[in-house]
Amino acid sequence: MNKKVEARIMDALTTVIDPELRVDIVNLGLINGVDINTTGDVTINMTLTTMGCPLISVLEEMIDEALKILPEVKSTRVELTWEPAWKIDRMSRYAKMALGL
């Protein structure tokens, strides 16, 4: 994948704020990877802080909204995974400070 496009996608994902924690999903360390194919279909591989998180459909909608402004993106799909499991050490320094950790 083009590194500039990947950086633009990750930058757009920083606008997706977790409704419960009030920190973006990138700084929370929820994004495992991003893939975009030649036709503009984006797959976001991510994990959540807890299994059974009731906010996944809200987050999927927010991710779609954030990425559709990019001209390279034609569609988005969120692929949830639980490996590797999310841990506090996946959060950025900014996220830890914002949450008082």
PDB file of N, CA and C in Angstrom:
ATOM      1  N   MET A   1       0.843  -1.173   0.000  1.00  0.00           N
ATOM      2  CA  MET A   1       0.000   0.000   0.000  1.00  0.00           C
ATOM      3  C   MET A   1       0.892   1.242   0.000  1.00  0.00           C
ATOM      4  N   ASN A   2       0.443   2.255  -0.674  1.00  0.00           N
ATOM      5  CA  ASN A   2       1.119   3.533  -0.715  1.00  0.00           C
ATOM      6  C   ASN A   2       1.200   4.111   0.700  1.00  0.00           C
ATOM      7  N   LYS A   3       2.400   4.420   1.157  1.00  0.00           N
ATOM      8  CA  LYS A   3       2.603   4.907   2.536  1.00  0.00           C
ATOM      9  C   LYS A   3       1.894   6.240   2.771  1.00  0.00           C
ATOM     10  N   LYS A   4       1.808   7.095   1.737  1.00  0.00           N
ATOM     11  CA  LYS A   4       1.122   8.375   1.897  1.00  0.00           C
ATOM     12  C   LYS A   4      -0.376   8.163   2.115  1.00  0.00           C
ATOM     13  N   VAL A   5      -0.957   7.226   1.381  1.00  0.00           N
ATOM     14  CA  VAL A   5      -2.384   6.932   1.538  1.00  0.00           C
ATOM     15  C   VAL A   5      -2.629   6.320   2.913  1.00  0.00           C
ATOM     16  N   GLU A   6      -1.760   5.407   3.322  1.00  0.00           N
ATOM     17  CA  GLU A   6      -1.893   4.797   4.642  1.00  0.00           C
ATOM     18  C   GLU A   6      -1.819   5.868   5.731  1.00  0.00           C
ATOM     19  N   ALA A   7      -0.898   6.808   5.601  1.00  0.00           N
ATOM     20  CA  ALA A   7      -0.765   7.884   6.587  1.00  0.00           C
ATOM     21  C   ALA A   7      -2.019   8.758   6.610  1.00  0.00           C
ATOM     22  N   ARG A   8      -2.598   9.017   5.445  1.00  0.00           N
ATOM     23  CA  ARG A   8      -3.829   9.819   5.379  1.00  0.00           C
ATOM     24  C   ARG A   8      -4.998   9.075   6.037  1.00  0.00           C
ATOM     25  N   ILE A   9      -5.055   7.770   5.842  1.00  0.00           N
ATOM     26  CA  ILE A   9      -6.105   6.962   6.470  1.00  0.00           C
ATOM     27  C   ILE A   9      -5.939   6.986   7.989  1.00  0.00           C
ATOM     28  N   MET A  10      -4.711   6.764   8.454  1.00  0.00           N
ATOM     29  CA  MET A  10      -4.471   6.770   9.895  1.00  0.00           C
ATOM     30  C   MET A  10      -4.777   8.149  10.484  1.00  0.00           C
ATOM     31  N   ASP A  11      -4.421   9.199   9.757  1.00  0.00           N
ATOM     32  CA  ASP A  11      -4.717  10.550  10.225  1.00  0.00           C
ATOM     33  C   ASP A  11      -6.223  10.758  10.337  1.00  0.00           C
ATOM     34  N   ALA A  12      -6.969  10.285   9.341  1.00  0.00           N
ATOM     35  CA  ALA A  12      -8.431  10.404   9.384  1.00  0.00           C
ATOM     36  C   ALA A  12      -9.013   9.608  10.546  1.00  0.00           C
ATOM     37  N   LEU A  13      -8.405   8.468  10.860  1.00  0.00           N
ATOM     38  CA  LEU A  13      -8.899   7.641  11.965  1.00  0.00           C
ATOM     39  C   LEU A  13      -8.686   8.306  13.327  1.00  0.00           C
ATOM     40  N   THR A  14      -7.778   9.266  13.408  1.00  0.00           N
ATOM     41  CA  THR A  14      -7.592   9.971  14.680  1.00  0.00           C
ATOM     42  C   THR A  14      -8.780  10.880  14.995  1.00  0.00           C
ATOM     43  N   THR A  15      -9.677  11.056  14.028  1.00  0.00           N
ATOM     44  CA  THR A  15     -10.885  11.855  14.287  1.00  0.00           C
ATOM     45  C   THR A  15     -12.013  10.998  14.851  1.00  0.00           C
ATOM     46  N   VAL A  16     -11.808   9.679  14.903  1.00  0.00           N
ATOM     47  CA  VAL A  16     -12.817   8.761  15.442  1.00  0.00           C
ATOM     48  C   VAL A  16     -12.581   8.637  16.945  1.00  0.00           C
ATOM     49  N   ILE A  17     -13.446   9.264  17.704  1.00  0.00           N
ATOM     50  CA  ILE A  17     -13.299   9.315  19.161  1.00  0.00           C
ATOM     51  C   ILE A  17     -14.173   8.231  19.806  1.00  0.00           C
ATOM     52  N   ASP A  18     -13.539   7.402  20.629  1.00  0.00           N
ATOM     53  CA  ASP A  18     -14.286   6.378  21.362  1.00  0.00           C
ATOM     54  C   ASP A  18     -15.281   7.094  22.275  1.00  0.00           C
ATOM     55  N   PRO A  19     -16.581   6.814  22.122  1.00  0.00           N
ATOM     56  CA  PRO A  19     -17.600   7.517  22.899  1.00  0.00           C
ATOM     57  C   PRO A  19     -17.493   7.325  24.414  1.00  0.00           C
ATOM     58  N   GLU A  20     -16.941   6.216  24.849  1.00  0.00           N
ATOM     59  CA  GLU A  20     -16.824   5.970  26.287  1.00  0.00           C
ATOM     60  C   GLU A  20     -15.552   6.574  26.874  1.00  0.00           C
ATOM     61  N   LEU A  21     -14.438   6.411  26.166  1.00  0.00           N
ATOM     62  CA  LEU A  21     -13.155   6.845  26.703  1.00  0.00           C
ATOM     63  C   LEU A  21     -12.772   8.258  26.281  1.00  0.00           C
ATOM     64  N   ARG A  22     -13.419   8.788  25.248  1.00  0.00           N
ATOM     65  CA  ARG A  22     -13.187  10.154  24.764  1.00  0.00           C
ATOM     66  C   ARG A  22     -11.764  10.386  24.251  1.00  0.00           C
ATOM     67  N   VAL A  23     -11.167   9.333  23.710  1.00  0.00           N
ATOM     68  CA  VAL A  23      -9.852   9.396  23.082  1.00  0.00           C
ATOM     69  C   VAL A  23      -9.990   8.694  21.739  1.00  0.00           C
ATOM     70  N   ASP A  24      -9.221   9.146  20.744  1.00  0.00           N
ATOM     71  CA  ASP A  24      -9.360   8.539  19.418  1.00  0.00           C
ATOM     72  C   ASP A  24      -8.847   7.103  19.377  1.00  0.00           C
ATOM     73  N   ILE A  25      -9.368   6.355  18.412  1.00  0.00           N
ATOM     74  CA  ILE A  25      -9.089   4.919  18.331  1.00  0.00           C
ATOM     75  C   ILE A  25      -7.640   4.608  17.956  1.00  0.00           C
ATOM     76  N   VAL A  26      -6.957   5.547  17.308  1.00  0.00           N
ATOM     77  CA  VAL A  26      -5.545   5.326  16.971  1.00  0.00           C
ATOM     78  C   VAL A  26      -4.695   5.427  18.234  1.00  0.00           C
ATOM     79  N   ASN A  27      -4.872   6.500  18.991  1.00  0.00           N
ATOM     80  CA  ASN A  27      -4.090   6.679  20.219  1.00  0.00           C
ATOM     81  C   ASN A  27      -4.436   5.653  21.291  1.00  0.00           C
ATOM     82  N   LEU A  28      -5.647   5.117  21.236  1.00  0.00           N
ATOM     83  CA  LEU A  28      -6.005   4.044  22.169  1.00  0.00           C
ATOM     84  C   LEU A  28      -5.307   2.734  21.821  1.00  0.00           C
ATOM     85  N   GLY A  29      -4.747   2.652  20.620  1.00  0.00           N
ATOM     86  CA  GLY A  29      -4.055   1.433  20.207  1.00  0.00           C
ATOM     87  C   GLY A  29      -4.989   0.355  19.716  1.00  0.00           C
ATOM     88  N   LEU A  30      -6.152   0.760  19.208  1.00  0.00           N
ATOM     89  CA  LEU A  30      -7.131  -0.219  18.744  1.00  0.00           C
ATOM     90  C   LEU A  30      -6.894  -0.666  17.302  1.00  0.00           C
ATOM     91  N   ILE A  31      -6.142   0.102  16.534  1.00  0.00           N
ATOM     92  CA  ILE A  31      -5.913  -0.213  15.123  1.00  0.00           C
ATOM     93  C   ILE A  31      -4.699  -1.125  14.992  1.00  0.00           C
ATOM     94  N   ASN A  32      -4.925  -2.314  14.444  1.00  0.00           N
ATOM     95  CA  ASN A  32      -3.834  -3.269  14.208  1.00  0.00           C
ATOM     96  C   ASN A  32      -3.230  -3.093  12.824  1.00  0.00           C
ATOM     97  N   GLY A  33      -4.044  -2.690  11.873  1.00  0.00           N
ATOM     98  CA  GLY A  33      -3.553  -2.538  10.517  1.00  0.00           C
ATOM     99  C   GLY A  33      -4.613  -1.985   9.591  1.00  0.00           C
ATOM    100  N   VAL A  34      -4.134  -1.469   8.459  1.00  0.00           N
ATOM    101  CA  VAL A  34      -4.996  -0.882   7.439  1.00  0.00           C
ATOM    102  C   VAL A  34      -4.576  -1.465   6.098  1.00  0.00           C
ATOM    103  N   ASP A  35      -5.557  -1.805   5.284  1.00  0.00           N
ATOM    104  CA  ASP A  35      -5.252  -2.306   3.945  1.00  0.00           C
ATOM    105  C   ASP A  35      -6.202  -1.634   2.965  1.00  0.00           C
ATOM    106  N   ILE A  36      -5.666  -1.169   1.853  1.00  0.00           N
ATOM    107  CA  ILE A  36      -6.497  -0.605   0.802  1.00  0.00           C
ATOM    108  C   ILE A  36      -6.100  -1.270  -0.512  1.00  0.00           C
ATOM    109  N   ASN A  37      -7.101  -1.756  -1.251  1.00  0.00           N
ATOM    110  CA  ASN A  37      -6.783  -2.402  -2.522  1.00  0.00           C
ATOM    111  C   ASN A  37      -6.816  -1.366  -3.653  1.00  0.00           C
ATOM    112  N   THR A  38      -6.551  -1.811  -4.854  1.00  0.00           N
ATOM    113  CA  THR A  38      -6.441  -0.895  -5.994  1.00  0.00           C
ATOM    114  C   THR A  38      -7.764  -0.241  -6.380  1.00  0.00           C
ATOM    115  N   THR A  39      -8.884  -0.795  -5.935  1.00  0.00           N
ATOM    116  CA  THR A  39     -10.175  -0.185  -6.248  1.00  0.00           C
ATOM    117  C   THR A  39     -10.683   0.724  -5.133  1.00  0.00           C
ATOM    118  N   GLY A  40      -9.887   0.896  -4.070  1.00  0.00           N
ATOM    119  CA  GLY A  40     -10.260   1.811  -3.000  1.00  0.00           C
ATOM    120  C   GLY A  40     -11.058   1.211  -1.867  1.00  0.00           C
ATOM    121  N   ASP A  41     -11.087  -0.117  -1.782  1.00  0.00           N
ATOM    122  CA  ASP A  41     -11.770  -0.786  -0.680  1.00  0.00           C
ATOM    123  C   ASP A  41     -10.791  -0.881   0.490  1.00  0.00           C
ATOM    124  N   VAL A  42     -11.174  -0.311   1.633  1.00  0.00           N
ATOM    125  CA  VAL A  42     -10.304  -0.266   2.803  1.00  0.00           C
ATOM    126  C   VAL A  42     -10.795  -1.257   3.850  1.00  0.00           C
ATOM    127  N   THR A  43      -9.858  -2.021   4.385  1.00  0.00           N
ATOM    128  CA  THR A  43     -10.145  -2.906   5.509  1.00  0.00           C
ATOM    129  C   THR A  43      -9.335  -2.414   6.692  1.00  0.00           C
ATOM    130  N   ILE A  44     -10.043  -2.170   7.789  1.00  0.00           N
ATOM    131  CA  ILE A  44      -9.413  -1.754   9.032  1.00  0.00           C
ATOM    132  C   ILE A  44      -9.431  -2.953   9.968  1.00  0.00           C
ATOM    133  N   ASN A  45      -8.251  -3.429  10.337  1.00  0.00           N
ATOM    134  CA  ASN A  45      -8.155  -4.520  11.294  1.00  0.00           C
ATOM    135  C   ASN A  45      -7.968  -3.890  12.659  1.00  0.00           C
ATOM    136  N   MET A  46      -8.907  -4.170  13.552  1.00  0.00           N
ATOM    137  CA  MET A  46      -8.834  -3.556  14.862  1.00  0.00           C
ATOM    138  C   MET A  46      -9.322  -4.483  15.947  1.00  0.00           C
ATOM    139  N   THR A  47      -8.983  -4.132  17.150  1.00  0.00           N
ATOM    140  CA  THR A  47      -9.452  -4.833  18.324  1.00  0.00           C
ATOM    141  C   THR A  47     -10.193  -3.820  19.187  1.00  0.00           C
ATOM    142  N   LEU A  48     -10.861  -4.279  20.188  1.00  0.00           N
ATOM    143  CA  LEU A  48     -11.550  -3.402  21.122  1.00  0.00           C
ATOM    144  C   LEU A  48     -10.984  -3.636  22.514  1.00  0.00           C
ATOM    145  N   THR A  49     -11.268  -2.725  23.422  1.00  0.00           N
ATOM    146  CA  THR A  49     -10.727  -2.872  24.773  1.00  0.00           C
ATOM    147  C   THR A  49     -11.339  -4.053  25.502  1.00  0.00           C
ATOM    148  N   THR A  50     -12.587  -4.394  25.156  1.00  0.00           N
ATOM    149  CA  THR A  50     -13.243  -5.546  25.782  1.00  0.00           C
ATOM    150  C   THR A  50     -14.060  -6.304  24.751  1.00  0.00           C
ATOM    151  N   MET A  51     -14.140  -7.608  24.906  1.00  0.00           N
ATOM    152  CA  MET A  51     -15.000  -8.418  24.042  1.00  0.00           C
ATOM    153  C   MET A  51     -16.450  -8.054  24.319  1.00  0.00           C
ATOM    154  N   GLY A  52     -17.247  -8.088  23.283  1.00  0.00           N
ATOM    155  CA  GLY A  52     -18.663  -7.796  23.448  1.00  0.00           C
ATOM    156  C   GLY A  52     -18.955  -6.323  23.627  1.00  0.00           C
ATOM    157  N   CYS A  53     -18.014  -5.470  23.232  1.00  0.00           N
ATOM    158  CA  CYS A  53     -18.218  -4.024  23.349  1.00  0.00           C
ATOM    159  C   CYS A  53     -19.465  -3.638  22.551  1.00  0.00           C
ATOM    160  N   PRO A  54     -20.421  -2.982  23.190  1.00  0.00           N
ATOM    161  CA  PRO A  54     -21.671  -2.648  22.508  1.00  0.00           C
ATOM    162  C   PRO A  54     -21.529  -1.515  21.487  1.00  0.00           C
ATOM    163  N   LEU A  55     -20.369  -0.905  21.422  1.00  0.00           N
ATOM    164  CA  LEU A  55     -20.193   0.257  20.558  1.00  0.00           C
ATOM    165  C   LEU A  55     -19.638  -0.061  19.176  1.00  0.00           C
ATOM    166  N   ILE A  56     -19.445  -1.319  18.841  1.00  0.00           N
ATOM    167  CA  ILE A  56     -18.802  -1.642  17.572  1.00  0.00           C
ATOM    168  C   ILE A  56     -19.567  -1.069  16.383  1.00  0.00           C
ATOM    169  N   SER A  57     -20.871  -1.139  16.370  1.00  0.00           N
ATOM    170  CA  SER A  57     -21.600  -0.603  15.210  1.00  0.00           C
ATOM    171  C   SER A  57     -21.461   0.913  15.142  1.00  0.00           C
ATOM    172  N   VAL A  58     -21.414   1.574  16.278  1.00  0.00           N
ATOM    173  CA  VAL A  58     -21.200   3.029  16.303  1.00  0.00           C
ATOM    174  C   VAL A  58     -19.806   3.356  15.776  1.00  0.00           C
ATOM    175  N   LEU A  59     -18.802   2.612  16.224  1.00  0.00           N
ATOM    176  CA  LEU A  59     -17.434   2.837  15.761  1.00  0.00           C
ATOM    177  C   LEU A  59     -17.299   2.567  14.270  1.00  0.00           C
ATOM    178  N   GLU A  60     -17.930   1.515  13.773  1.00  0.00           N
ATOM    179  CA  GLU A  60     -17.886   1.219  12.337  1.00  0.00           C
ATOM    180  C   GLU A  60     -18.457   2.376  11.532  1.00  0.00           C
ATOM    181  N   GLU A  61     -19.569   2.925  11.982  1.00  0.00           N
ATOM    182  CA  GLU A  61     -20.188   4.054  11.299  1.00  0.00           C
ATOM    183  C   GLU A  61     -19.278   5.283  11.352  1.00  0.00           C
ATOM    184  N   MET A  62     -18.662   5.529  12.482  1.00  0.00           N
ATOM    185  CA  MET A  62     -17.757   6.664  12.634  1.00  0.00           C
ATOM    186  C   MET A  62     -16.517   6.500  11.749  1.00  0.00           C
ATOM    187  N   ILE A  63     -16.002   5.284  11.652  1.00  0.00           N
ATOM    188  CA  ILE A  63     -14.852   5.006  10.788  1.00  0.00           C
ATOM    189  C   ILE A  63     -15.223   5.259   9.330  1.00  0.00           C
ATOM    190  N   ASP A  64     -16.375   4.761   8.919  1.00  0.00           N
ATOM    191  CA  ASP A  64     -16.843   4.972   7.548  1.00  0.00           C
ATOM    192  C   ASP A  64     -16.964   6.465   7.241  1.00  0.00           C
ATOM    193  N   GLU A  65     -17.550   7.214   8.153  1.00  0.00           N
ATOM    194  CA  GLU A  65     -17.710   8.665   7.973  1.00  0.00           C
ATOM    195  C   GLU A  65     -16.359   9.366   7.861  1.00  0.00           C
ATOM    196  N   ALA A  66     -15.408   8.971   8.708  1.00  0.00           N
ATOM    197  CA  ALA A  66     -14.087   9.600   8.712  1.00  0.00           C
ATOM    198  C   ALA A  66     -13.316   9.331   7.435  1.00  0.00           C
ATOM    199  N   LEU A  67     -13.475   8.122   6.879  1.00  0.00           N
ATOM    200  CA  LEU A  67     -12.679   7.743   5.710  1.00  0.00           C
ATOM    201  C   LEU A  67     -13.312   8.119   4.383  1.00  0.00           C
ATOM    202  N   LYS A  68     -14.615   8.311   4.350  1.00  0.00           N
ATOM    203  CA  LYS A  68     -15.244   8.583   3.054  1.00  0.00           C
ATOM    204  C   LYS A  68     -14.865   9.948   2.483  1.00  0.00           C
ATOM    205  N   ILE A  69     -14.280  10.816   3.277  1.00  0.00           N
ATOM    206  CA  ILE A  69     -13.838  12.107   2.759  1.00  0.00           C
ATOM    207  C   ILE A  69     -12.551  11.995   1.944  1.00  0.00           C
ATOM    208  N   LEU A  70     -11.849  10.871   2.079  1.00  0.00           N
ATOM    209  CA  LEU A  70     -10.610  10.664   1.322  1.00  0.00           C
ATOM    210  C   LEU A  70     -10.944  10.196  -0.093  1.00  0.00           C
ATOM    211  N   PRO A  71     -10.411  10.852  -1.110  1.00  0.00           N
ATOM    212  CA  PRO A  71     -10.753  10.477  -2.487  1.00  0.00           C
ATOM    213  C   PRO A  71     -10.333   9.063  -2.873  1.00  0.00           C
ATOM    214  N   GLU A  72      -9.316   8.522  -2.205  1.00  0.00           N
ATOM    215  CA  GLU A  72      -8.836   7.166  -2.524  1.00  0.00           C
ATOM    216  C   GLU A  72      -9.752   6.081  -1.994  1.00  0.00           C
ATOM    217  N   VAL A  73     -10.606   6.425  -1.032  1.00  0.00           N
ATOM    218  CA  VAL A  73     -11.428   5.434  -0.332  1.00  0.00           C
ATOM    219  C   VAL A  73     -12.814   5.333  -0.971  1.00  0.00           C
ATOM    220  N   LYS A  74     -13.145   4.139  -1.417  1.00  0.00           N
ATOM    221  CA  LYS A  74     -14.473   3.888  -2.018  1.00  0.00           C
ATOM    222  C   LYS A  74     -15.393   3.157  -1.055  1.00  0.00           C
ATOM    223  N   SER A  75     -14.839   2.290  -0.205  1.00  0.00           N
ATOM    224  CA  SER A  75     -15.647   1.575   0.787  1.00  0.00           C
ATOM    225  C   SER A  75     -14.769   1.217   1.972  1.00  0.00           C
ATOM    226  N   THR A  76     -15.411   0.990   3.112  1.00  0.00           N
ATOM    227  CA  THR A  76     -14.668   0.591   4.308  1.00  0.00           C
ATOM    228  C   THR A  76     -15.307  -0.645   4.928  1.00  0.00           C
ATOM    229  N   ARG A  77     -14.442  -1.426   5.547  1.00  0.00           N
ATOM    230  CA  ARG A  77     -14.897  -2.611   6.268  1.00  0.00           C
ATOM    231  C   ARG A  77     -14.030  -2.740   7.504  1.00  0.00           C
ATOM    232  N   VAL A  78     -14.668  -2.987   8.636  1.00  0.00           N
ATOM    233  CA  VAL A  78     -13.937  -3.189   9.890  1.00  0.00           C
ATOM    234  C   VAL A  78     -13.875  -4.677  10.164  1.00  0.00           C
ATOM    235  N   GLU A  79     -12.677  -5.155  10.376  1.00  0.00           N
ATOM    236  CA  GLU A  79     -12.430  -6.568  10.687  1.00  0.00           C
ATOM    237  C   GLU A  79     -11.946  -6.622  12.138  1.00  0.00           C
ATOM    238  N   LEU A  80     -12.761  -7.189  13.005  1.00  0.00           N
ATOM    239  CA  LEU A  80     -12.385  -7.297  14.420  1.00  0.00           C
ATOM    240  C   LEU A  80     -11.532  -8.528  14.658  1.00  0.00           C
ATOM    241  N   THR A  81     -10.547  -8.368  15.503  1.00  0.00           N
ATOM    242  CA  THR A  81      -9.717  -9.488  15.900  1.00  0.00           C
ATOM    243  C   THR A  81      -9.422  -9.349  17.392  1.00  0.00           C
ATOM    244  N   TRP A  82      -9.167 -10.459  18.020  1.00  0.00           N
ATOM    245  CA  TRP A  82      -8.851 -10.440  19.449  1.00  0.00           C
ATOM    246  C   TRP A  82      -7.414 -10.869  19.695  1.00  0.00           C
ATOM    247  N   GLU A  83      -6.677 -11.065  18.628  1.00  0.00           N
ATOM    248  CA  GLU A  83      -5.257 -11.416  18.719  1.00  0.00           C
ATOM    249  C   GLU A  83      -4.470 -10.422  17.906  1.00  0.00           C
ATOM    250  N   PRO A  84      -3.617  -9.655  18.445  1.00  0.00           N
ATOM    251  CA  PRO A  84      -3.244  -9.655  19.855  1.00  0.00           C
ATOM    252  C   PRO A  84      -4.307  -8.966  20.703  1.00  0.00           C
ATOM    253  N   ALA A  85      -4.429  -9.424  21.927  1.00  0.00           N
ATOM    254  CA  ALA A  85      -5.386  -8.828  22.849  1.00  0.00           C
ATOM    255  C   ALA A  85      -4.959  -7.405  23.173  1.00  0.00           C
ATOM    256  N   TRP A  86      -5.934  -6.538  23.354  1.00  0.00           N
ATOM    257  CA  TRP A  86      -5.625  -5.154  23.695  1.00  0.00           C
ATOM    258  C   TRP A  86      -5.125  -5.077  25.131  1.00  0.00           C
ATOM    259  N   LYS A  87      -4.108  -4.261  25.332  1.00  0.00           N
ATOM    260  CA  LYS A  87      -3.557  -4.008  26.661  1.00  0.00           C
ATOM    261  C   LYS A  87      -3.281  -2.519  26.775  1.00  0.00           C
ATOM    262  N   ILE A  88      -3.232  -2.041  27.980  1.00  0.00           N
ATOM    263  CA  ILE A  88      -2.991  -0.618  28.220  1.00  0.00           C
ATOM    264  C   ILE A  88      -1.696  -0.140  27.557  1.00  0.00           C
ATOM    265  N   ASP A  89      -0.692  -0.994  27.481  1.00  0.00           N
ATOM    266  CA  ASP A  89       0.579  -0.556  26.899  1.00  0.00           C
ATOM    267  C   ASP A  89       0.505  -0.301  25.398  1.00  0.00           C
ATOM    268  N   ARG A  90      -0.628  -0.609  24.771  1.00  0.00           N
ATOM    269  CA  ARG A  90      -0.825  -0.293  23.343  1.00  0.00           C
ATOM    270  C   ARG A  90      -1.213   1.170  23.145  1.00  0.00           C
ATOM    271  N   MET A  91      -1.629   1.822  24.221  1.00  0.00           N
ATOM    272  CA  MET A  91      -2.030   3.220  24.119  1.00  0.00           C
ATOM    273  C   MET A  91      -0.806   4.119  23.973  1.00  0.00           C
ATOM    274  N   SER A  92      -1.004   5.231  23.271  1.00  0.00           N
ATOM    275  CA  SER A  92       0.053   6.220  23.146  1.00  0.00           C
ATOM    276  C   SER A  92       0.220   6.965  24.466  1.00  0.00           C
ATOM    277  N   ARG A  93       1.308   7.665  24.570  1.00  0.00           N
ATOM    278  CA  ARG A  93       1.553   8.492  25.758  1.00  0.00           C
ATOM    279  C   ARG A  93       0.422   9.507  25.918  1.00  0.00           C
ATOM    280  N   TYR A  94       0.000  10.092  24.794  1.00  0.00           N
ATOM    281  CA  TYR A  94      -1.100  11.062  24.812  1.00  0.00           C
ATOM    282  C   TYR A  94      -2.364  10.451  25.428  1.00  0.00           C
ATOM    283  N   ALA A  95      -2.732   9.243  24.979  1.00  0.00           N
ATOM    284  CA  ALA A  95      -3.943   8.594  25.483  1.00  0.00           C
ATOM    285  C   ALA A  95      -3.838   8.309  26.971  1.00  0.00           C
ATOM    286  N   LYS A  96      -2.676   7.851  27.395  1.00  0.00           N
ATOM    287  CA  LYS A  96      -2.474   7.561  28.821  1.00  0.00           C
ATOM    288  C   LYS A  96      -2.620   8.833  29.653  1.00  0.00           C
ATOM    289  N   MET A  97      -2.061   9.921  29.147  1.00  0.00           N
ATOM    290  CA  MET A  97      -2.177  11.188  29.873  1.00  0.00           C
ATOM    291  C   MET A  97      -3.628  11.674  29.888  1.00  0.00           C
ATOM    292  N   ALA A  98      -4.308  11.551  28.770  1.00  0.00           N
ATOM    293  CA  ALA A  98      -5.707  11.997  28.676  1.00  0.00           C
ATOM    294  C   ALA A  98      -6.609  11.221  29.627  1.00  0.00           C
ATOM    295  N   LEU A  99      -6.258   9.965  29.869  1.00  0.00           N
ATOM    296  CA  LEU A  99      -7.061   9.126  30.754  1.00  0.00           C
ATOM    297  C   LEU A  99      -6.531   9.097  32.191  1.00  0.00           C
ATOM    298  N   GLY A 100      -5.474   9.862  32.440  1.00  0.00           N
ATOM    299  CA  GLY A 100      -4.916   9.936  33.789  1.00  0.00           C
ATOM    300  C   GLY A 100      -4.182   8.700  34.225  1.00  0.00           C
ATOM    301  N   LEU A 101      -3.572   8.009  33.281  1.00  0.00           N
ATOM    302  CA  LEU A 101      -2.827   6.768  33.614  1.00  0.00           C
ATOM    303  C   LEU A 101      -1.329   7.019  33.645  1.00  0.00           C
TER     304      LEU A 101
END
